[in-house]
């Protein structure tokens, strides 16, 4: 029986312009996002509006909030975690 070991892919170097440093995104939420998570517990559409504006996600979140508090909160937390920082 032969071992079928495959080496992990090599890490590609980060290319940056001379005189600049690479920007690394952390998976940790910013202080603003932590506040938005807390606000989402009470009024889920508000953080969605602050992150994405008054578009389709906002309307979806209002409907989810009307149908049940927990779906609205889960959707709001998803939007907060997946959206780049607007505030």
Protein backbone atom coordinates (compact mmCIF):
# COMPACT_ATOMS: atom_id res chain seq x y z
CA UNK A 1 0.00 0.00 0.00
CA UNK A 2 1.59 3.24 -1.15
CA UNK A 3 1.29 6.45 0.82
CA UNK A 4 -0.38 9.21 -1.15
CA UNK A 5 1.04 12.28 0.53
CA UNK A 6 0.64 15.55 -1.29
CA UNK A 7 2.71 18.50 -0.16
CA UNK A 8 0.78 21.69 0.64
CA UNK A 9 0.99 24.43 -1.98
CA UNK A 10 3.78 26.93 -1.63
CA UNK A 11 2.90 30.29 -0.13
CA UNK A 12 2.97 33.04 -2.72
CA UNK A 13 4.88 36.17 -1.72
CA UNK A 14 2.91 39.37 -1.32
CA UNK A 15 3.77 41.95 -3.97
CA UNK A 16 3.65 45.53 -2.72
CA UNK A 17 4.68 48.85 -4.16
CA UNK A 18 8.09 50.09 -3.07
CA UNK A 19 7.98 52.12 0.11
CA UNK A 20 4.67 50.66 1.32
CA UNK A 21 3.80 47.89 3.71
CA UNK A 22 1.28 45.14 3.04
CA UNK A 23 -2.11 45.54 4.70
CA UNK A 24 -3.33 42.44 6.45
CA UNK A 25 -6.97 42.00 7.32
CA UNK A 26 -7.69 40.42 10.62
CA UNK A 27 -10.59 38.06 11.20
CA UNK A 28 -11.29 39.88 14.44
CA UNK A 29 -14.16 42.37 14.37
CA UNK A 30 -13.41 46.02 14.89
CA UNK A 31 -14.75 47.94 17.86
CA UNK A 32 -17.48 49.43 15.67
CA UNK A 33 -18.61 45.98 14.59
CA UNK A 34 -18.80 44.82 18.20
CA UNK A 35 -21.14 47.74 18.90
CA UNK A 36 -23.21 46.81 15.84
CA UNK A 37 -23.49 43.19 17.06
CA UNK A 38 -24.87 44.52 20.35
CA UNK A 39 -27.33 46.88 18.63
CA UNK A 40 -28.47 44.01 16.40
CA UNK A 41 -29.74 42.17 19.47
CA UNK A 42 -32.38 44.86 19.97
CA UNK A 43 -32.99 46.41 16.52
CA UNK A 44 -31.55 44.13 13.79
CA UNK A 45 -32.35 46.39 10.78
CA UNK A 46 -30.33 49.32 12.15
CA UNK A 47 -26.84 47.73 11.77
CA UNK A 48 -27.84 46.42 8.33
CA UNK A 49 -28.79 49.95 7.26
CA UNK A 50 -25.51 51.32 8.61
CA UNK A 51 -23.43 48.65 6.86
CA UNK A 52 -25.22 48.29 3.51
CA UNK A 53 -27.68 51.16 3.26
CA UNK A 54 -31.41 51.00 2.66
CA UNK A 55 -31.36 48.39 -0.10
CA UNK A 56 -32.53 44.82 -0.52
CA UNK A 57 -30.65 43.50 2.53
CA UNK A 58 -32.41 46.08 4.70
CA UNK A 59 -35.85 45.03 3.41
CA UNK A 60 -35.01 41.35 3.85
CA UNK A 61 -33.89 42.00 7.40
CA UNK A 62 -37.08 43.88 8.25
CA UNK A 63 -39.16 40.97 6.94
CA UNK A 64 -37.08 38.46 8.89
CA UNK A 65 -37.40 40.63 12.01
CA UNK A 66 -41.19 40.78 11.60
CA UNK A 67 -41.45 37.00 11.10
CA UNK A 68 -39.23 36.32 14.08
CA UNK A 69 -36.66 38.09 16.18
CA UNK A 70 -33.98 35.37 15.94
CA UNK A 71 -33.89 35.20 12.10
CA UNK A 72 -33.53 38.99 11.98
CA UNK A 73 -30.63 38.92 14.44
CA UNK A 74 -28.86 36.07 12.63
CA UNK A 75 -29.19 37.85 9.29
CA UNK A 76 -27.97 41.10 10.81
CA UNK A 77 -24.92 39.39 12.34
CA UNK A 78 -24.19 37.77 8.97
CA UNK A 79 -24.30 41.15 7.20
CA UNK A 80 -22.08 42.72 9.87
CA UNK A 81 -19.49 39.94 9.63
CA UNK A 82 -19.37 39.80 5.81
CA UNK A 83 -19.49 43.50 5.01
CA UNK A 84 -16.42 45.72 4.84
CA UNK A 85 -16.43 48.45 7.43
CA UNK A 86 -18.67 51.33 6.40
CA UNK A 87 -18.79 52.88 9.84
